[in-house]
N, C-alpha and C. Protein backbone atom coordinates (compact mmCIF):
# COMPACT_ATOMS: atom_id res chain seq x y z
N UNK A 1 45.00 -42.50 -36.30
CA UNK A 1 44.21 -41.44 -36.88
C UNK A 1 45.10 -40.16 -36.27
N UNK A 2 45.69 -40.38 -35.06
CA UNK A 2 46.79 -39.34 -34.51
C UNK A 2 47.82 -38.93 -35.36
N UNK A 3 48.35 -40.16 -35.92
CA UNK A 3 49.36 -40.10 -36.89
C UNK A 3 49.19 -38.92 -38.10
N UNK A 4 48.08 -39.53 -38.49
CA UNK A 4 47.25 -38.55 -39.67
C UNK A 4 47.14 -36.85 -39.37
N UNK A 5 46.62 -36.71 -37.94
CA UNK A 5 46.84 -35.04 -37.70
C UNK A 5 48.03 -34.68 -37.57
N UNK A 6 49.02 -35.62 -37.17
CA UNK A 6 50.50 -34.85 -36.72
C UNK A 6 51.32 -34.40 -38.66
N UNK A 7 50.48 -35.36 -39.17
CA UNK A 7 51.19 -35.27 -40.69
C UNK A 7 50.75 -33.91 -41.41
N UNK A 8 49.39 -33.85 -41.14
CA UNK A 8 48.55 -32.63 -41.94
C UNK A 8 49.14 -31.27 -40.97
N UNK A 9 49.43 -31.33 -39.72
CA UNK A 9 49.95 -30.31 -39.30
C UNK A 9 51.63 -30.22 -39.75
N UNK A 10 52.37 -30.77 -39.91
CA UNK A 10 53.55 -30.89 -40.68
C UNK A 10 53.55 -30.24 -42.04
N UNK A 11 52.81 -30.74 -42.67
CA UNK A 11 52.50 -30.35 -43.81
C UNK A 11 52.15 -29.01 -44.16
N UNK A 12 51.33 -28.86 -43.34
CA UNK A 12 50.95 -27.45 -43.27
C UNK A 12 51.69 -26.33 -42.72
N UNK A 13 52.74 -26.76 -41.50
CA UNK A 13 53.61 -25.97 -41.16
C UNK A 13 54.78 -25.92 -42.29
N UNK A 14 55.03 -26.88 -42.92
CA UNK A 14 55.62 -26.86 -44.07
C UNK A 14 55.49 -25.62 -45.34
N UNK A 15 54.12 -25.84 -45.59
CA UNK A 15 53.65 -25.15 -47.05
C UNK A 15 53.36 -24.02 -46.79
N UNK A 16 53.10 -23.20 -45.83
CA UNK A 16 52.50 -21.84 -45.60
C UNK A 16 53.96 -20.92 -45.69
N UNK A 17 54.99 -21.29 -45.11
CA UNK A 17 55.93 -20.13 -45.53
C UNK A 17 56.34 -20.33 -46.99
N UNK A 18 56.29 -21.38 -47.49
CA UNK A 18 56.73 -21.54 -49.06
C UNK A 18 55.39 -20.50 -49.65
N UNK A 19 54.30 -20.62 -49.63
CA UNK A 19 53.32 -19.93 -49.86
C UNK A 19 53.36 -18.78 -50.00
N UNK A 20 53.65 -18.34 -48.74
CA UNK A 20 53.67 -16.91 -48.45
C UNK A 20 54.79 -16.17 -49.06
N UNK A 21 56.10 -16.82 -49.40
CA UNK A 21 57.38 -16.09 -49.79
C UNK A 21 57.53 -16.12 -51.28
N UNK A 22 56.11 -16.98 -52.06
CA UNK A 22 56.40 -17.35 -53.29
C UNK A 22 56.21 -15.65 -54.12
N UNK A 23 55.16 -15.03 -53.36
CA UNK A 23 55.09 -13.69 -53.89
C UNK A 23 56.09 -12.66 -53.82
N UNK A 24 56.91 -13.11 -52.84
CA UNK A 24 58.13 -12.07 -52.90
C UNK A 24 59.34 -12.10 -53.88
N UNK A 25 59.18 -13.17 -54.58
CA UNK A 25 60.70 -13.25 -55.75
C UNK A 25 60.18 -12.11 -56.77
N UNK A 26 61.56 -12.09 -57.36
CA UNK A 26 61.65 -11.04 -58.33
C UNK A 26 61.73 -11.67 -59.90
N UNK A 27 60.74 -11.06 -60.53
CA UNK A 27 61.43 -11.69 -61.94
C UNK A 27 62.58 -10.59 -62.65
N UNK A 28 63.34 -11.29 -63.62
CA UNK A 28 64.06 -10.92 -64.21
C UNK A 28 64.53 -11.75 -65.64
N UNK A 29 64.00 -10.63 -66.88
CA UNK A 29 64.34 -10.90 -67.83
C UNK A 29 65.67 -11.30 -68.27
N UNK A 30 65.95 -12.61 -68.66
CA UNK A 30 67.47 -12.49 -68.82
C UNK A 30 67.86 -12.78 -70.48
N UNK A 31 66.84 -12.27 -71.46
CA UNK A 31 67.12 -12.37 -72.74
C UNK A 31 67.57 -10.99 -73.09
N UNK A 32 67.77 -10.30 -72.43
CA UNK A 32 68.19 -9.09 -73.41
C UNK A 32 69.69 -8.81 -72.85
N UNK A 33 70.49 -7.79 -73.57
CA UNK A 33 71.91 -7.46 -73.04
C UNK A 33 72.98 -8.39 -73.27
N UNK A 34 72.73 -9.45 -74.37
CA UNK A 34 73.69 -10.17 -75.24
C UNK A 34 74.83 -10.00 -75.95
N UNK A 35 75.64 -9.93 -76.22
CA UNK A 35 76.46 -9.73 -77.12
C UNK A 35 77.05 -10.78 -77.97
N UNK A 36 77.54 -10.51 -79.31
CA UNK A 36 77.37 -11.57 -80.14
C UNK A 36 78.72 -11.31 -80.95
N UNK A 37 79.26 -12.29 -81.20
CA UNK A 37 80.45 -12.22 -81.99
C UNK A 37 80.93 -13.68 -82.93
N UNK A 38 80.70 -13.72 -84.22
CA UNK A 38 80.48 -14.66 -85.13
C UNK A 38 81.94 -14.85 -85.62
N UNK A 39 82.59 -16.28 -85.60
CA UNK A 39 83.99 -16.80 -85.49
C UNK A 39 84.85 -17.05 -84.27
N UNK A 40 85.78 -17.60 -84.55
CA UNK A 40 86.75 -18.22 -83.01
C UNK A 40 87.54 -16.97 -82.83
N UNK A 41 87.75 -16.68 -81.70
CA UNK A 41 88.76 -15.38 -81.15
C UNK A 41 89.62 -16.04 -80.01
N UNK A 42 90.67 -16.10 -80.07
CA UNK A 42 91.66 -16.44 -79.14
C UNK A 42 91.28 -15.86 -77.67
N UNK A 43 91.21 -16.49 -76.49
CA UNK A 43 91.25 -15.70 -75.68
C UNK A 43 89.38 -15.25 -74.94
N UNK A 44 88.66 -15.44 -75.75
CA UNK A 44 87.41 -14.34 -75.65
C UNK A 44 86.70 -15.44 -74.36
N UNK A 45 87.11 -16.55 -73.91
CA UNK A 45 86.50 -17.02 -72.83
C UNK A 45 87.12 -16.60 -71.44
N UNK A 46 87.96 -15.20 -71.45
CA UNK A 46 88.40 -14.46 -70.19
C UNK A 46 87.30 -13.45 -70.27
N UNK A 47 87.22 -13.19 -68.82
CA UNK A 47 86.24 -11.82 -68.66
C UNK A 47 87.14 -10.75 -68.66
N UNK A 48 88.53 -10.93 -69.04
CA UNK A 48 88.90 -9.73 -69.27
C UNK A 48 89.00 -9.01 -70.55
N UNK A 49 88.59 -9.85 -71.62
CA UNK A 49 88.52 -9.82 -73.04
C UNK A 49 87.82 -8.65 -73.48
N UNK A 50 88.16 -8.32 -74.33
CA UNK A 50 87.22 -6.56 -74.76
C UNK A 50 86.25 -7.09 -75.87
N UNK A 51 85.34 -7.10 -75.38
CA UNK A 51 84.04 -7.08 -76.32
C UNK A 51 83.15 -6.09 -76.75
N UNK A 52 83.71 -4.87 -76.93
CA UNK A 52 83.32 -3.58 -77.22
C UNK A 52 82.82 -3.53 -78.58
N UNK A 53 83.09 -4.28 -79.63
CA UNK A 53 83.03 -4.41 -80.77
C UNK A 53 81.78 -5.58 -81.18
N UNK A 54 81.52 -6.12 -80.39
CA UNK A 54 80.70 -7.31 -80.57
C UNK A 54 79.14 -6.85 -80.54
N UNK A 55 78.30 -7.77 -81.65
CA UNK A 55 76.85 -7.15 -81.77
C UNK A 55 76.13 -7.23 -80.63
N UNK A 56 75.16 -6.02 -80.42
CA UNK A 56 74.61 -6.21 -79.22
C UNK A 56 72.85 -7.01 -79.78
N UNK A 57 72.70 -8.13 -79.02
CA UNK A 57 71.60 -8.79 -79.36
C UNK A 57 70.75 -9.30 -78.13
N UNK A 58 69.19 -9.59 -78.53
CA UNK A 58 68.55 -10.22 -77.61
C UNK A 58 68.13 -11.36 -78.09
N UNK A 59 68.10 -12.15 -77.04
CA UNK A 59 67.47 -13.88 -77.06
C UNK A 59 65.92 -13.70 -76.92
N UNK A 60 65.67 -14.84 -77.93
CA UNK A 60 66.33 -16.00 -78.55
C UNK A 60 66.99 -15.09 -79.99
N UNK A 61 67.95 -15.74 -80.22
CA UNK A 61 68.92 -15.25 -81.41
C UNK A 61 69.88 -16.40 -82.00
N UNK A 62 69.66 -16.16 -83.43
CA UNK A 62 70.95 -17.61 -84.10
C UNK A 62 71.65 -16.21 -84.81
N UNK A 63 72.97 -16.82 -84.66
CA UNK A 63 74.14 -16.07 -85.41
C UNK A 63 73.96 -15.83 -86.71
N UNK A 64 73.23 -17.00 -87.54
CA UNK A 64 73.05 -16.69 -89.01
C UNK A 64 71.62 -16.39 -89.29
N UNK A 65 71.04 -15.67 -88.48
CA UNK A 65 69.41 -15.47 -89.02
C UNK A 65 69.19 -14.98 -89.95
N UNK A 66 70.20 -14.12 -90.42
CA UNK A 66 69.89 -12.99 -91.68
C UNK A 66 70.32 -13.58 -92.79
N UNK A 67 70.64 -14.96 -92.84
CA UNK A 67 70.90 -15.90 -94.05
C UNK A 67 69.69 -17.07 -94.22
N UNK A 68 68.76 -16.87 -93.37
CA UNK A 68 67.58 -17.72 -93.23
C UNK A 68 66.72 -17.77 -94.30
N UNK A 69 66.61 -18.80 -95.12
CA UNK A 69 65.64 -18.67 -96.21
C UNK A 69 66.28 -17.94 -97.41
N UNK A 70 67.23 -17.47 -97.13
CA UNK A 70 68.22 -16.76 -98.38
C UNK A 70 69.05 -17.52 -99.18
N UNK A 71 69.46 -18.39 -98.38
CA UNK A 71 70.21 -19.57 -98.97
C UNK A 71 70.23 -20.85 -98.47
N UNK A 72 71.00 -21.77 -99.19
CA UNK A 72 70.72 -23.49 -98.91
C UNK A 72 71.25 -23.66 -97.72
N UNK A 73 70.63 -24.71 -97.08
CA UNK A 73 71.21 -24.90 -95.85
C UNK A 73 72.91 -25.52 -95.90
N UNK A 74 73.27 -25.99 -97.32
CA UNK A 74 74.52 -26.52 -97.38
C UNK A 74 75.42 -25.43 -97.49
N UNK A 75 74.83 -23.87 -97.65
CA UNK A 75 75.79 -23.02 -97.84
C UNK A 75 75.69 -21.64 -96.48
N UNK A 76 74.68 -22.33 -95.50
CA UNK A 76 75.12 -21.34 -94.49
C UNK A 76 76.24 -21.38 -93.82
N UNK A 77 76.45 -20.27 -93.02
CA UNK A 77 77.49 -20.00 -92.10
C UNK A 77 77.89 -21.26 -91.63
N UNK A 78 78.97 -21.84 -91.23
CA UNK A 78 79.29 -22.74 -89.93
C UNK A 78 80.16 -22.32 -89.46
N UNK A 79 80.12 -21.96 -88.23
CA UNK A 79 81.28 -21.61 -87.50
C UNK A 79 81.41 -21.46 -86.17
N UNK A 80 82.12 -20.99 -85.19
CA UNK A 80 81.93 -21.01 -83.98
C UNK A 80 81.44 -19.44 -83.52
N UNK A 81 80.77 -19.56 -82.95
CA UNK A 81 79.93 -18.32 -82.42
C UNK A 81 80.37 -18.12 -80.76
N UNK A 82 80.36 -16.65 -80.48
CA UNK A 82 80.20 -16.02 -78.90
C UNK A 82 79.03 -15.72 -78.63
N UNK A 83 78.74 -15.77 -77.45
CA UNK A 83 77.31 -15.43 -76.84
C UNK A 83 78.08 -14.95 -75.53
N UNK A 84 77.94 -13.65 -75.27
CA UNK A 84 78.18 -13.23 -73.93
C UNK A 84 77.23 -12.14 -73.08
N UNK A 85 77.19 -12.16 -71.70
CA UNK A 85 76.06 -11.65 -71.18
C UNK A 85 76.52 -10.39 -70.70
N UNK A 86 76.26 -9.36 -70.96
CA UNK A 86 76.65 -7.91 -70.55
C UNK A 86 76.58 -8.15 -68.96
N UNK A 87 77.69 -7.72 -68.19
CA UNK A 87 77.32 -7.87 -66.59
C UNK A 87 76.76 -6.80 -65.95
N UNK A 88 76.02 -7.70 -65.16
CA UNK A 88 74.78 -6.51 -64.34
C UNK A 88 75.68 -5.63 -63.22
N UNK A 89 75.15 -4.45 -63.53
CA UNK A 89 75.81 -3.76 -62.48
C UNK A 89 75.28 -3.98 -60.85
N UNK A 90 75.66 -4.32 -59.99
CA UNK A 90 75.29 -4.61 -58.68
C UNK A 90 75.31 -3.02 -57.83
N UNK A 91 74.30 -2.66 -57.25
CA UNK A 91 74.27 -1.25 -56.63
C UNK A 91 74.43 -1.64 -55.10
């Protein structure tokens, strides 16, 4: 019986801080501020690569969505596509 009381107190002491801290988290929508380039580019994996001409998109986004339902699947674009998240500015 004593063991059960100790276990209940330990469980209580572990769960209360977690429950109190759950409301303090910040939500962030990760779907916005993405860049897209259709086709392969040498060096695009590097942080220093210039992506100023890439298309701005919001996820979910398919690189070939403009072709959807307009051409047969065998005629759809099939290539490498680069997605890049715009860097967050930390204050």
